[in-house]
Amino acid sequence: MSSVGMTPYWPAEEDWAGFLVVIVPVGPLPLPADELCRQVQAQIDADPVLYDLVTVRLAPRFKLTPEWDRAFVRTVVEAAMPAGHFFAPRGVIGLVVVSDDREKLRNVFDSLRDLPPSRRLWARIFGTGVRDSRNGSSPTAAGRVASTVNTLIEMYDEQPQIALNESTFLDRVGALIEEGYLTPSALGPEPSPASASAAGPASARERPGPVVESPRATASVPVVERRPSVVPAPDPVPADVRTPAARNAGAAKKPMLEAVMYDGSEIVAVDQRTPIQRLTGRQQTDAACMDELHRGGTAVGLVHLVFVPDDGVVPRRVTKRRNEVALELDQLLDSVELDVASGQPSRIAVEVLSATNPLQKHGVLRVAGTITEVALPKVKIEYFSMADIVEPLLDAAGRTSRALHARGVQVVSQHFVFLAAMRFPADEATEDDWVRLLDHGRVTWVDFSPTGGRQALHPMPPSPFGLHVLTDKEDVLAVIKEQSGVMYRYAQRLPTQAAPRDTSERDGHEPIASTASGRRWWRFGKRPGE
């Protein structure tokens, strides 16, 4: 417990850093401060890396009153504790002072630097001007404010100690309260211990903003993006991103499913937008899809379409068949209406990946049924190593799950669908890697390789979510739909076209013969009557 009597919200096993950017307007601006904040947030949402990494807050307008310092520090504390607890296990706070007058910026900088170290809870102060004599607003001001995030990330890479952990932050705020500088109301309402324990593992609880994995997984620092309004997520299910101990405990309670494998023996890196996309529409983002899923109000199952690199040149028919199955599977997943494990209505969100080294993501997260062939990648010729791909694949899945949880969307399942022109490559050396992936979600491997010379499949142990291996020689959609019934319940769709009605007896006309059988041709220059 901290010196202010608050129990830390984040458990010790949570190891990631969040970034908070507080925009501080000084004096009148050519455009409303909330509009500037919205533009900054929009630029961050459009970035495929930063959209779920950054929290942006707008502070009240800075005024040099006799007690300006108390009001300002209180503002920073409230921004860092939007739900009554620190916004991340470890957080880096940056202030961005904006004004249309450089003299005002200089005065504010001097005032903030004169504060004692115990009251400076931020890592760095930035300043930027918002001025344009032509139209009253600067089109690049939002870009300059958003670019401060890159500086904070570089600072953290070089000096990780600039991040405050939750206990240190609470201790420093507690010291300010004890000396009478702040009041306890600055901390906001403390989360109820009962509600926190009922919500399950900390990593699966409702978050004040999107969470990203530890800096060990990437050179860019993991961060969190906050939303003004958060819908509490329902109780998590085993497919959620959880601590290893909680995940193993949940897996132990689930009935283990035997691997289903069809060997076919009985049957004879983030893509860039194209010029046309840039001209015809606005850029799609993962954040836009997540917001759409949040507005839908239902739980979400994540499906990761993983294109496995080829080990050599494959025939064009294999490439065509693989893309056809991917699009047909996307349409099939659009008919999912219920998650079997939780019994909740659910939708499916799909992201497309290439199992290369490094792992490559193509396009953005999409609601099932909206993927087009343009979004599918051109499969590379490269050596496929499960040992090299399992960690990045789990990191990518966890990152998407946490970003959805931060928006109040419950992720009820994870499904990894591998589309490969090779045999299922599990053996004694890679079995542990496959088991690790199977502990997090269901795995489906679709084999598009030729039937000749296939080796026997390596037997796999039972898993909590199930393994399904099949070839494209089966009825792929029907088999996947049947085997995935342990996870999804599909809607019964009506036929898209009604059967033609026979009206010949009703209107007295003879039925029209088909075009193929009724068409007649004549020589050029001759008329039918000649």
Protein backbone atom coordinates (compact mmCIF):
# COMPACT_ATOMS: atom_id res chain seq x y z
CA MET A 1 0.00 0.00 0.00
CA SER A 2 1.27 3.47 -0.88
CA SER A 3 1.74 6.40 1.46
CA VAL A 4 -1.68 7.76 0.43
CA GLY A 5 -3.41 4.56 1.50
CA MET A 6 -4.10 3.35 -2.05
CA THR A 7 -3.44 -0.22 -3.09
CA PRO A 8 -1.57 -0.38 -6.45
CA TYR A 9 -3.93 -1.34 -9.23
CA TRP A 10 -1.43 -3.15 -11.46
CA PRO A 11 -0.04 -6.53 -10.33
CA ALA A 12 3.69 -7.14 -10.23
CA GLU A 13 3.67 -9.37 -13.33
CA GLU A 14 2.41 -6.54 -15.53
CA ASP A 15 5.55 -5.27 -17.26
CA TRP A 16 4.84 -2.61 -19.84
CA ALA A 17 5.19 1.16 -20.14
CA GLY A 18 2.52 3.66 -21.06
CA PHE A 19 3.01 7.14 -22.51
CA LEU A 20 0.90 10.15 -21.62
CA VAL A 21 0.98 13.40 -23.63
CA VAL A 22 -0.72 16.32 -21.88
CA ILE A 23 -1.46 19.30 -24.15
CA VAL A 24 -1.29 22.58 -22.20
CA PRO A 25 -2.80 25.60 -24.03
CA VAL A 26 -1.42 29.00 -23.03
CA GLY A 27 -3.48 32.07 -23.81
CA PRO A 28 -5.88 32.32 -26.76
CA LEU A 29 -5.19 30.07 -29.76
CA PRO A 30 -6.17 30.53 -33.41
CA LEU A 31 -8.25 27.34 -33.14
CA PRO A 32 -10.10 25.74 -30.20
CA ALA A 33 -7.86 23.68 -27.95
CA ASP A 34 -10.18 20.68 -28.09
CA GLU A 35 -10.03 20.77 -31.90
CA LEU A 36 -6.23 20.73 -31.76
CA CYS A 37 -6.40 17.76 -29.39
CA ARG A 38 -8.79 15.99 -31.77
CA GLN A 39 -6.45 16.54 -34.72
CA VAL A 40 -3.50 15.17 -32.74
CA GLN A 41 -5.54 12.11 -31.77
CA ALA A 42 -6.59 11.61 -35.41
CA GLN A 43 -2.97 11.68 -36.60
CA ILE A 44 -2.01 9.12 -33.97
CA ASP A 45 -4.98 6.90 -34.90
CA ALA A 46 -3.84 6.94 -38.53
CA ASP A 47 -0.36 5.68 -37.61
CA PRO A 48 -0.20 1.85 -37.81
CA VAL A 49 2.33 1.74 -34.94
CA LEU A 50 1.19 4.52 -32.60
CA TYR A 51 -2.59 4.15 -32.84
CA ASP A 52 -2.74 2.00 -29.70
CA LEU A 53 0.45 3.29 -28.07
CA VAL A 54 -0.28 6.86 -27.08
CA THR A 55 -2.62 8.57 -24.60
CA VAL A 56 -3.50 12.20 -25.33
CA ARG A 57 -5.05 14.47 -22.71
CA LEU A 58 -6.03 18.15 -22.83
CA ALA A 59 -5.27 20.24 -19.75
CA PRO A 60 -7.23 23.41 -18.83
CA ARG A 61 -5.85 26.65 -20.17
CA PHE A 62 -2.73 27.72 -18.27
CA LYS A 63 -3.12 30.92 -16.25
CA LEU A 64 -0.45 32.57 -14.06
CA THR A 65 -2.61 32.96 -10.97
CA PRO A 66 -1.15 33.09 -7.42
CA GLU A 67 -1.72 29.33 -7.01
CA TRP A 68 -1.16 28.31 -10.62
CA ASP A 69 1.38 25.66 -9.62
CA ARG A 70 -1.07 23.76 -7.41
CA ALA A 71 -3.73 23.81 -10.10
CA PHE A 72 -1.26 22.71 -12.75
CA VAL A 73 0.21 19.77 -10.77
CA ARG A 74 -3.32 18.70 -9.88
CA THR A 75 -4.20 18.70 -13.59
CA VAL A 76 -1.26 16.41 -14.38
CA VAL A 77 -2.20 14.03 -11.54
CA GLU A 78 -5.81 13.84 -12.73
CA ALA A 79 -4.69 13.17 -16.31
CA ALA A 80 -2.41 10.35 -15.12
CA MET A 81 -5.19 8.78 -13.00
CA PRO A 82 -8.31 8.94 -15.19
CA ALA A 83 -10.03 6.00 -13.43
CA GLY A 84 -8.71 6.47 -9.91
CA HIS A 85 -5.45 4.61 -10.54
CA PHE A 86 -2.23 5.19 -12.47
CA PHE A 87 -2.74 4.74 -16.20
CA ALA A 88 0.03 2.11 -16.58
CA PRO A 89 2.36 -0.06 -14.48
CA ARG A 90 5.14 2.28 -15.63
CA GLY A 91 4.40 5.62 -17.25
CA VAL A 92 6.29 8.37 -19.06
CA ILE A 93 4.55 11.75 -18.96
CA GLY A 94 5.31 14.53 -21.41
CA LEU A 95 3.91 18.08 -21.42
CA VAL A 96 3.34 19.93 -24.69
CA VAL A 97 2.81 23.67 -24.15
CA VAL A 98 1.11 25.30 -27.15
CA SER A 99 0.65 29.02 -27.78
CA ASP A 100 0.54 31.57 -30.59
CA ASP A 101 3.14 33.74 -28.81
CA ARG A 102 6.76 32.70 -28.25
CA GLU A 103 7.11 35.09 -25.32
CA LYS A 104 4.26 33.34 -23.53
CA LEU A 105 5.89 29.97 -24.20
CA ARG A 106 9.16 31.19 -22.74
CA ASN A 107 7.46 32.50 -19.59
CA VAL A 108 5.61 29.23 -19.01
CA PHE A 109 8.79 27.23 -19.56
CA ASP A 110 10.64 29.32 -16.98
CA SER A 111 7.82 28.96 -14.47
CA LEU A 112 7.64 25.19 -14.84
CA ARG A 113 11.40 24.77 -14.59
CA ASP A 114 11.42 26.69 -11.31
CA LEU A 115 9.16 24.12 -9.63
CA PRO A 116 10.91 21.87 -7.06
CA PRO A 117 11.86 18.37 -8.39
CA SER A 118 9.28 16.73 -6.09
CA ARG A 119 6.50 18.53 -7.96
CA ARG A 120 7.75 17.81 -11.49
CA LEU A 121 5.98 14.54 -12.31
CA TRP A 122 6.74 14.75 -16.01
CA ALA A 123 9.78 13.56 -17.94
CA ARG A 124 10.05 16.46 -20.38
CA ILE A 125 8.36 19.69 -21.48
CA PHE A 126 7.88 20.52 -25.14
CA GLY A 127 6.78 23.78 -26.72
CA THR A 128 5.21 24.45 -30.10
CA GLY A 129 3.58 27.40 -31.80
CA VAL A 130 0.09 27.38 -33.29
CA ARG A 131 -0.07 30.27 -35.70
CA ASP A 132 -0.90 30.93 -39.33
CA SER A 133 -1.44 34.49 -40.57
CA ARG A 134 -3.40 33.31 -43.62
CA ASN A 135 -6.26 31.30 -42.13
CA GLY A 136 -5.82 31.51 -38.37
CA SER A 137 -4.76 27.89 -37.82
CA SER A 138 -1.61 25.93 -38.50
CA PRO A 139 -2.08 22.75 -40.57
CA THR A 140 1.19 21.39 -39.21
CA ALA A 141 0.60 22.20 -35.53
CA ALA A 142 -1.06 18.85 -34.84
CA GLY A 143 1.81 17.07 -36.58
CA ARG A 144 4.38 18.87 -34.43
CA VAL A 145 2.51 17.96 -31.26
CA ALA A 146 2.17 14.32 -32.33
CA SER A 147 5.88 14.13 -33.21
CA THR A 148 6.80 14.72 -29.56
CA VAL A 149 5.85 11.10 -28.95
CA ASN A 150 8.83 9.94 -31.00
CA THR A 151 11.14 12.00 -28.80
CA LEU A 152 9.65 10.48 -25.65
CA ILE A 153 10.11 6.99 -27.09
CA GLU A 154 13.76 7.68 -27.93
CA MET A 155 14.32 9.05 -24.43
CA TYR A 156 12.81 5.94 -22.89
CA ASP A 157 14.94 3.66 -25.09
CA GLU A 158 18.08 5.40 -23.85
CA GLN A 159 16.98 5.98 -20.25
CA PRO A 160 14.26 3.55 -19.09
CA GLN A 161 14.50 5.02 -15.59
CA ILE A 162 12.53 8.09 -16.70
CA ALA A 163 9.38 5.99 -16.45
CA LEU A 164 7.59 6.19 -13.10
CA ASN A 165 6.16 2.96 -11.79
CA GLU A 166 2.79 3.07 -10.08
CA SER A 167 4.12 2.81 -6.51
CA THR A 168 6.64 5.62 -7.03
CA PHE A 169 4.00 7.87 -8.55
CA LEU A 170 1.60 7.26 -5.67
CA ASP A 171 4.36 7.86 -3.12
CA ARG A 172 5.28 11.18 -4.71
CA VAL A 173 1.64 12.27 -4.88
CA GLY A 174 1.17 11.11 -1.27
CA ALA A 175 4.08 13.28 -0.16
CA LEU A 176 2.47 16.30 -1.84
CA ILE A 177 -0.81 15.55 -0.06
CA GLU A 178 0.89 15.19 3.32
CA GLU A 179 2.56 18.59 2.98
CA GLY A 180 -0.78 20.13 2.04
CA TYR A 181 0.19 20.93 -1.52
CA LEU A 182 -2.55 18.70 -2.98
CA THR A 183 -5.86 17.39 -1.67
CA PRO A 184 -6.83 13.69 -1.71
CA SER A 185 -9.60 14.46 -4.19
CA ALA A 186 -6.93 14.80 -6.89
CA LEU A 187 -6.56 11.02 -6.84
CA GLY A 188 -10.14 10.46 -7.94
CA PRO A 189 -12.30 7.50 -6.85
CA GLU A 190 -10.33 4.42 -5.90
CA PRO A 191 -11.36 1.22 -7.75
CA SER A 192 -13.38 -1.13 -5.60
CA PRO A 193 -11.29 -4.14 -4.48
CA ALA A 194 -14.34 -6.36 -4.81
CA SER A 195 -14.94 -5.31 -8.40
CA ALA A 196 -11.27 -5.67 -9.21
CA SER A 197 -11.13 -9.22 -7.85
CA ALA A 198 -14.33 -10.17 -9.62
CA ALA A 199 -12.99 -8.93 -12.93
CA GLY A 200 -10.41 -11.70 -13.09
CA PRO A 201 -6.74 -11.32 -14.05
CA ALA A 202 -5.48 -7.75 -14.19
CA SER A 203 -4.43 -7.97 -17.81
CA ALA A 204 -7.99 -8.93 -18.79
CA ARG A 205 -9.78 -6.28 -16.69
CA GLU A 206 -11.26 -3.12 -18.14
CA ARG A 207 -8.44 -0.77 -18.96
CA PRO A 208 -8.43 3.02 -19.00
CA GLY A 209 -6.67 2.75 -22.39
CA PRO A 210 -5.01 0.34 -24.83
CA VAL A 211 -2.07 -1.57 -23.47
CA VAL A 212 1.02 -2.73 -25.29
CA GLU A 213 3.53 -5.41 -24.53
CA SER A 214 6.84 -4.91 -22.73
CA PRO A 215 9.69 -3.02 -24.45
CA ARG A 216 11.55 -6.32 -24.67
CA ALA A 217 9.40 -7.32 -27.65
CA THR A 218 10.14 -4.33 -29.86
CA ALA A 219 12.49 -1.44 -30.29
CA SER A 220 9.56 0.97 -30.07
CA VAL A 221 8.29 1.44 -26.58
CA PRO A 222 4.94 -0.12 -25.70
CA VAL A 223 2.40 2.44 -24.84
CA VAL A 224 -1.26 2.92 -24.22
CA GLU A 225 -3.93 4.98 -25.93
CA ARG A 226 -6.78 6.33 -23.79
CA ARG A 227 -10.35 6.91 -24.79
CA PRO A 228 -12.54 9.49 -23.03
CA SER A 229 -15.33 6.97 -22.47
CA VAL A 230 -14.75 3.33 -21.71
CA VAL A 231 -17.38 0.63 -21.57
CA PRO A 232 -16.50 -1.94 -18.88
CA ALA A 233 -15.55 -5.22 -20.46
CA PRO A 234 -17.49 -8.34 -19.45
CA ASP A 235 -15.84 -11.16 -17.59
CA PRO A 236 -12.87 -12.55 -19.56
CA VAL A 237 -12.67 -16.01 -21.04
CA PRO A 238 -9.61 -18.25 -21.37
CA ALA A 239 -8.75 -16.84 -24.78
CA ASP A 240 -8.02 -13.41 -23.31
CA VAL A 241 -4.44 -12.23 -22.88
CA ARG A 242 -3.65 -13.14 -19.27
CA THR A 243 -0.77 -13.82 -17.01
CA PRO A 244 0.93 -17.21 -17.54
CA ALA A 245 -0.28 -18.51 -14.20
CA ALA A 246 -3.88 -17.50 -14.83
CA ARG A 247 -3.74 -18.82 -18.39
CA ASN A 248 -2.42 -22.22 -17.33
CA ALA A 249 -5.04 -22.44 -14.60
CA GLY A 250 -7.81 -21.66 -17.08
CA ALA A 251 -6.45 -24.14 -19.61
CA ALA A 252 -6.33 -26.86 -16.98
CA LYS A 253 -10.07 -26.48 -16.32
CA LYS A 254 -11.07 -26.70 -20.01
CA PRO A 255 -11.71 -30.12 -21.51
CA MET A 256 -8.75 -31.06 -23.69
CA LEU A 257 -9.53 -31.52 -27.38
CA GLU A 258 -7.85 -34.14 -29.52
CA ALA A 259 -6.12 -32.91 -32.67
CA VAL A 260 -8.13 -33.47 -35.87
CA MET A 261 -5.92 -34.18 -38.91
CA TYR A 262 -6.89 -34.98 -42.49
CA ASP A 263 -3.85 -36.17 -44.44
CA GLY A 264 -5.63 -36.40 -47.78
CA SER A 265 -4.42 -39.97 -48.41
CA GLU A 266 -7.92 -41.27 -49.17
CA ILE A 267 -8.62 -38.56 -51.73
CA VAL A 268 -7.54 -39.45 -55.52
CA ALA A 269 5.30 -6.72 -43.51
CA VAL A 270 2.62 -3.19 -42.67
CA ASP A 271 1.50 -2.71 -46.41
CA GLN A 272 1.38 0.75 -47.94
CA ARG A 273 -1.77 2.17 -49.53
CA THR A 274 -1.93 2.10 -53.31
CA PRO A 275 -2.24 5.37 -55.31
CA ILE A 276 -5.84 4.50 -56.17
CA GLN A 277 -6.67 3.97 -52.49
CA ARG A 278 -5.13 7.32 -51.62
CA LEU A 279 -7.22 9.06 -54.30
CA THR A 280 -10.56 7.33 -53.77
CA GLY A 281 -10.92 7.23 -50.01
CA ARG A 282 -9.57 8.06 -46.62
CA GLN A 283 -7.04 5.80 -45.00
CA GLN A 284 -8.48 2.93 -43.01
CA THR A 285 -7.00 2.29 -39.58
CA ASP A 286 -7.12 -0.41 -36.94
CA ALA A 287 -8.55 2.15 -34.54
CA ALA A 288 -11.53 2.80 -36.84
CA CYS A 289 -12.33 -0.93 -36.97
CA MET A 290 -12.00 -1.25 -33.19
CA ASP A 291 -14.31 1.72 -32.67
CA GLU A 292 -16.83 0.10 -35.02
CA LEU A 293 -16.65 -3.14 -33.01
CA HIS A 294 -17.10 -1.13 -29.80
CA ARG A 295 -20.21 0.55 -31.20
CA GLY A 296 -21.58 -2.89 -32.09
CA GLY A 297 -21.71 -3.76 -28.40
CA THR A 298 -20.96 -7.48 -28.83
CA ALA A 299 -18.00 -9.64 -27.93
CA VAL A 300 -15.34 -10.27 -30.56
CA GLY A 301 -13.47 -13.35 -31.70
CA LEU A 302 -10.09 -12.69 -33.32
CA VAL A 303 -9.02 -14.67 -36.37
CA HIS A 304 -5.46 -14.37 -37.66
CA LEU A 305 -5.09 -15.42 -41.31
CA VAL A 306 -1.43 -16.41 -41.50
CA PHE A 307 0.07 -16.88 -44.98
CA VAL A 308 3.02 -19.25 -44.66
CA PRO A 309 5.96 -18.50 -47.01
CA ASP A 310 6.60 -21.06 -49.73
CA ASP A 311 9.76 -23.15 -49.74
CA GLY A 312 9.98 -22.87 -53.53
CA VAL A 313 8.07 -21.82 -56.63
CA VAL A 314 4.48 -23.06 -56.50
CA PRO A 315 2.03 -23.36 -59.43
CA ARG A 316 -0.32 -20.47 -60.07
CA ARG A 317 -3.32 -22.68 -59.38
CA VAL A 318 -2.04 -23.16 -55.81
CA THR A 319 -1.79 -19.39 -55.30
CA LYS A 320 -5.25 -18.88 -56.77
CA ARG A 321 -6.76 -21.65 -54.69
CA ARG A 322 -5.16 -20.30 -51.50
CA ASN A 323 -6.57 -16.82 -52.08
CA GLU A 324 -10.01 -18.25 -52.90
CA VAL A 325 -10.09 -20.21 -49.65
CA ALA A 326 -8.99 -17.15 -47.67
CA LEU A 327 -11.82 -15.01 -49.10
CA GLU A 328 -14.40 -17.78 -48.72
CA LEU A 329 -13.33 -18.36 -45.12
CA ASP A 330 -13.69 -14.63 -44.42
CA GLN A 331 -17.26 -14.78 -45.72
CA LEU A 332 -17.96 -17.87 -43.62
CA LEU A 333 -16.72 -16.15 -40.46
CA ASP A 334 -19.10 -13.28 -41.16
CA SER A 335 -21.96 -15.67 -40.35
CA VAL A 336 -20.73 -16.35 -36.79
CA GLU A 337 -23.41 -15.23 -34.35
CA LEU A 338 -22.44 -16.78 -30.98
CA ASP A 339 -19.34 -17.71 -29.02
CA VAL A 340 -19.87 -21.22 -27.71
CA ALA A 341 -17.53 -21.01 -24.68
CA SER A 342 -19.07 -17.87 -23.18
CA GLY A 343 -22.54 -18.15 -24.71
CA GLN A 344 -22.39 -14.50 -25.79
CA PRO A 345 -23.34 -13.01 -29.17
CA SER A 346 -20.11 -12.27 -30.98
CA ARG A 347 -18.59 -10.96 -34.19
CA ILE A 348 -15.35 -11.95 -35.85
CA ALA A 349 -12.51 -9.55 -36.63
CA VAL A 350 -9.80 -10.70 -39.04
CA GLU A 351 -6.22 -9.58 -39.53
CA VAL A 352 -3.93 -10.83 -42.31
CA LEU A 353 -0.32 -11.75 -41.54
CA SER A 354 2.67 -13.30 -43.29
CA ALA A 355 4.71 -15.76 -41.23
CA THR A 356 8.00 -14.28 -42.39
CA ASN A 357 10.94 -13.21 -40.27
CA PRO A 358 10.09 -10.59 -39.13
CA LEU A 359 6.34 -11.13 -38.96
CA GLN A 360 4.50 -8.89 -41.43
CA LYS A 361 0.99 -7.50 -41.09
CA HIS A 362 -0.98 -6.66 -44.24
CA GLY A 363 -3.52 -3.88 -44.11
CA VAL A 364 -5.59 -3.21 -41.03
CA LEU A 365 -7.91 -5.13 -38.74
CA ARG A 366 -11.21 -5.77 -40.53
CA VAL A 367 -14.63 -7.05 -39.59
CA ALA A 368 -15.20 -10.49 -41.12
CA GLY A 369 -16.83 -10.39 -44.53
CA THR A 370 -15.08 -7.21 -45.70
CA ILE A 371 -11.70 -8.54 -46.88
CA THR A 372 -11.01 -8.26 -50.61
CA GLU A 373 -8.35 -9.90 -52.73
CA VAL A 374 -6.37 -6.65 -52.76
CA ALA A 375 -5.76 -7.09 -49.02
CA LEU A 376 -4.19 -10.53 -49.47
CA PRO A 377 -0.38 -10.66 -49.67
CA LYS A 378 1.88 -12.01 -52.36
CA VAL A 379 3.40 -15.03 -50.65
CA LYS A 380 7.18 -14.88 -50.43
CA ILE A 381 9.67 -17.69 -50.95
CA GLU A 382 11.36 -18.02 -47.61
CA TYR A 383 12.26 -20.61 -45.00
CA PHE A 384 9.46 -21.07 -42.47
CA SER A 385 10.58 -21.54 -38.86
CA MET A 386 7.93 -22.04 -36.19
CA ALA A 387 10.50 -21.32 -33.48
CA ASP A 388 11.11 -17.86 -34.95
CA ILE A 389 7.48 -16.99 -35.57
CA VAL A 390 5.65 -18.14 -32.43
CA GLU A 391 6.79 -15.25 -30.19
CA PRO A 392 6.03 -12.43 -32.71
CA LEU A 393 2.69 -14.07 -33.53
CA LEU A 394 1.65 -14.17 -29.89
CA ASP A 395 2.85 -10.60 -29.39
CA ALA A 396 0.76 -9.39 -32.34
CA ALA A 397 -2.31 -11.26 -31.12
CA GLY A 398 -1.85 -9.96 -27.57
CA ARG A 399 -1.42 -6.40 -28.75
CA THR A 400 -4.65 -6.47 -30.75
CA SER A 401 -6.51 -8.08 -27.84
CA ARG A 402 -5.36 -5.48 -25.35
CA ALA A 403 -6.24 -2.62 -27.68
CA LEU A 404 -9.79 -4.01 -27.99
CA HIS A 405 -10.06 -4.52 -24.23
CA ALA A 406 -9.05 -0.90 -23.71
CA ARG A 407 -12.05 0.16 -25.79
CA GLY A 408 -14.39 -1.97 -23.70
CA VAL A 409 -14.59 -4.81 -26.24
CA GLN A 410 -14.28 -8.33 -24.87
CA VAL A 411 -12.13 -10.74 -26.87
CA VAL A 412 -13.65 -14.17 -26.36
CA SER A 413 -11.48 -16.32 -28.66
CA GLN A 414 -8.28 -16.47 -30.67
CA HIS A 415 -8.02 -18.51 -33.86
CA PHE A 416 -4.83 -18.88 -35.92
CA VAL A 417 -5.52 -20.08 -39.49
CA PHE A 418 -2.38 -21.03 -41.42
CA LEU A 419 -2.62 -21.15 -45.23
CA ALA A 420 0.43 -23.04 -46.51
CA ALA A 421 1.65 -24.90 -49.58
CA MET A 422 3.41 -27.40 -47.36
CA ARG A 423 2.78 -30.27 -44.99
CA PHE A 424 1.97 -29.51 -41.35
CA PRO A 425 5.58 -29.06 -40.12
CA ALA A 426 5.26 -30.23 -36.51
CA ASP A 427 7.96 -32.61 -35.27
CA GLU A 428 9.82 -33.37 -32.05
CA ALA A 429 11.87 -30.17 -32.35
CA THR A 430 8.89 -27.82 -32.86
CA GLU A 431 6.22 -29.59 -30.84
CA ASP A 432 6.76 -27.34 -27.80
CA ASP A 433 6.33 -24.22 -29.97
CA TRP A 434 3.04 -25.51 -31.34
CA VAL A 435 1.84 -26.44 -27.87
CA ARG A 436 2.65 -22.92 -26.70
CA LEU A 437 0.56 -21.44 -29.50
CA LEU A 438 -2.25 -23.90 -28.83
CA ASP A 439 -2.36 -22.74 -25.19
CA HIS A 440 -3.52 -19.33 -26.43
CA GLY A 441 -6.02 -20.24 -29.14
CA ARG A 442 -7.25 -22.67 -31.76
CA VAL A 443 -4.95 -23.55 -34.68
CA THR A 444 -6.15 -24.54 -38.17
CA TRP A 445 -3.58 -25.58 -40.80
CA VAL A 446 -4.77 -25.79 -44.42
CA ASP A 447 -2.32 -27.66 -46.64
CA PHE A 448 -2.32 -26.66 -50.34
CA SER A 449 0.69 -28.78 -51.36
CA PRO A 450 0.50 -31.52 -54.02
CA THR A 451 -0.71 -34.91 -52.82
CA GLY A 452 2.28 -36.94 -54.03
CA GLY A 453 5.00 -38.00 -51.59
CA ARG A 454 3.33 -36.77 -48.41
CA GLN A 455 4.86 -37.93 -45.16
CA ALA A 456 2.91 -39.06 -42.13
CA LEU A 457 1.76 -36.31 -39.78
CA HIS A 458 3.44 -35.97 -36.41
CA PRO A 459 0.93 -36.79 -33.63
CA MET A 460 0.10 -33.84 -31.39
CA PRO A 461 -1.14 -33.89 -27.77
CA PRO A 462 -4.62 -32.68 -26.83
CA SER A 463 -5.00 -28.92 -26.40
CA PRO A 464 -7.56 -26.66 -24.69
CA PHE A 465 -8.76 -24.96 -27.89
CA GLY A 466 -8.04 -27.62 -30.48
CA LEU A 467 -5.81 -28.27 -33.51
CA HIS A 468 -7.25 -28.93 -36.95
CA VAL A 469 -5.09 -29.97 -39.90
CA LEU A 470 -6.61 -30.52 -43.34
CA THR A 471 -5.78 -30.30 -47.03
CA ASP A 472 -7.45 -28.29 -49.75
CA LYS A 473 -8.62 -31.57 -51.34
CA GLU A 474 -11.44 -31.70 -48.79
CA ASP A 475 -14.43 -29.39 -48.79
CA VAL A 476 -12.43 -26.84 -46.81
CA LEU A 477 -15.27 -24.56 -45.69
CA ALA A 478 -17.58 -27.40 -44.71
CA VAL A 479 -14.87 -29.19 -42.73
CA ILE A 480 -13.69 -26.01 -40.97
CA LYS A 481 -17.27 -25.05 -40.15
CA GLU A 482 -17.91 -28.49 -38.67
CA GLN A 483 -14.71 -28.68 -36.62
CA SER A 484 -14.88 -25.07 -35.40
CA GLY A 485 -18.28 -25.75 -33.92
CA VAL A 486 -16.50 -26.05 -30.57
CA MET A 487 -15.88 -22.27 -30.78
CA TYR A 488 -18.53 -20.70 -33.01
CA ARG A 489 -22.20 -21.04 -33.73
CA TYR A 490 -23.00 -20.03 -37.28
CA ALA A 491 -26.18 -18.35 -38.45
CA GLN A 492 -28.44 -20.14 -40.88
CA ARG A 493 -28.39 -17.89 -43.92
CA LEU A 494 -31.21 -17.67 -46.44
CA PRO A 495 -30.45 -18.30 -50.13
CA THR A 496 -29.20 -15.17 -51.84
CA GLN A 497 -31.39 -15.75 -54.93
CA ALA A 498 -34.93 -17.02 -55.06
CA ALA A 499 -35.74 -19.94 -57.35
CA PRO A 500 -37.19 -18.84 -60.73
CA ARG A 501 -40.96 -18.95 -60.86
CA ASP A 502 -42.79 -20.65 -63.71
CA THR A 503 -45.30 -18.09 -65.02
CA SER A 504 -46.04 -19.73 -68.39
CA GLU A 505 -49.44 -21.05 -67.38
CA ARG A 506 -50.46 -17.82 -65.68
CA ASP A 507 -49.73 -15.33 -68.50
CA GLY A 508 -50.34 -17.62 -71.49
CA HIS A 509 -46.87 -17.30 -72.94
CA GLU A 510 -44.48 -20.05 -73.72
CA PRO A 511 -41.43 -20.24 -71.46
CA ILE A 512 -38.35 -18.58 -72.96
CA ALA A 513 -35.61 -21.01 -73.88
CA SER A 514 -32.19 -20.51 -72.35
CA THR A 515 -29.70 -18.36 -74.18
CA ALA A 516 -27.25 -21.21 -74.59
CA SER A 517 -29.76 -23.51 -76.29
CA GLY A 518 -31.83 -20.90 -78.14
CA ARG A 519 -29.13 -18.72 -79.75
CA ARG A 520 -28.81 -18.97 -83.56
CA TRP A 521 -26.09 -17.44 -85.74
CA TRP A 522 -26.05 -16.42 -89.38
CA ARG A 523 -23.36 -15.41 -91.82
CA PHE A 524 -22.10 -11.84 -91.96
CA GLY A 525 -24.20 -9.71 -94.32
CA LYS A 526 -27.19 -12.09 -94.21
CA ARG A 527 -30.39 -11.25 -92.43
CA PRO A 528 -32.51 -13.85 -90.60
CA GLY A 529 -35.21 -13.65 -93.28
CA GLU A 530 -32.85 -14.12 -96.21
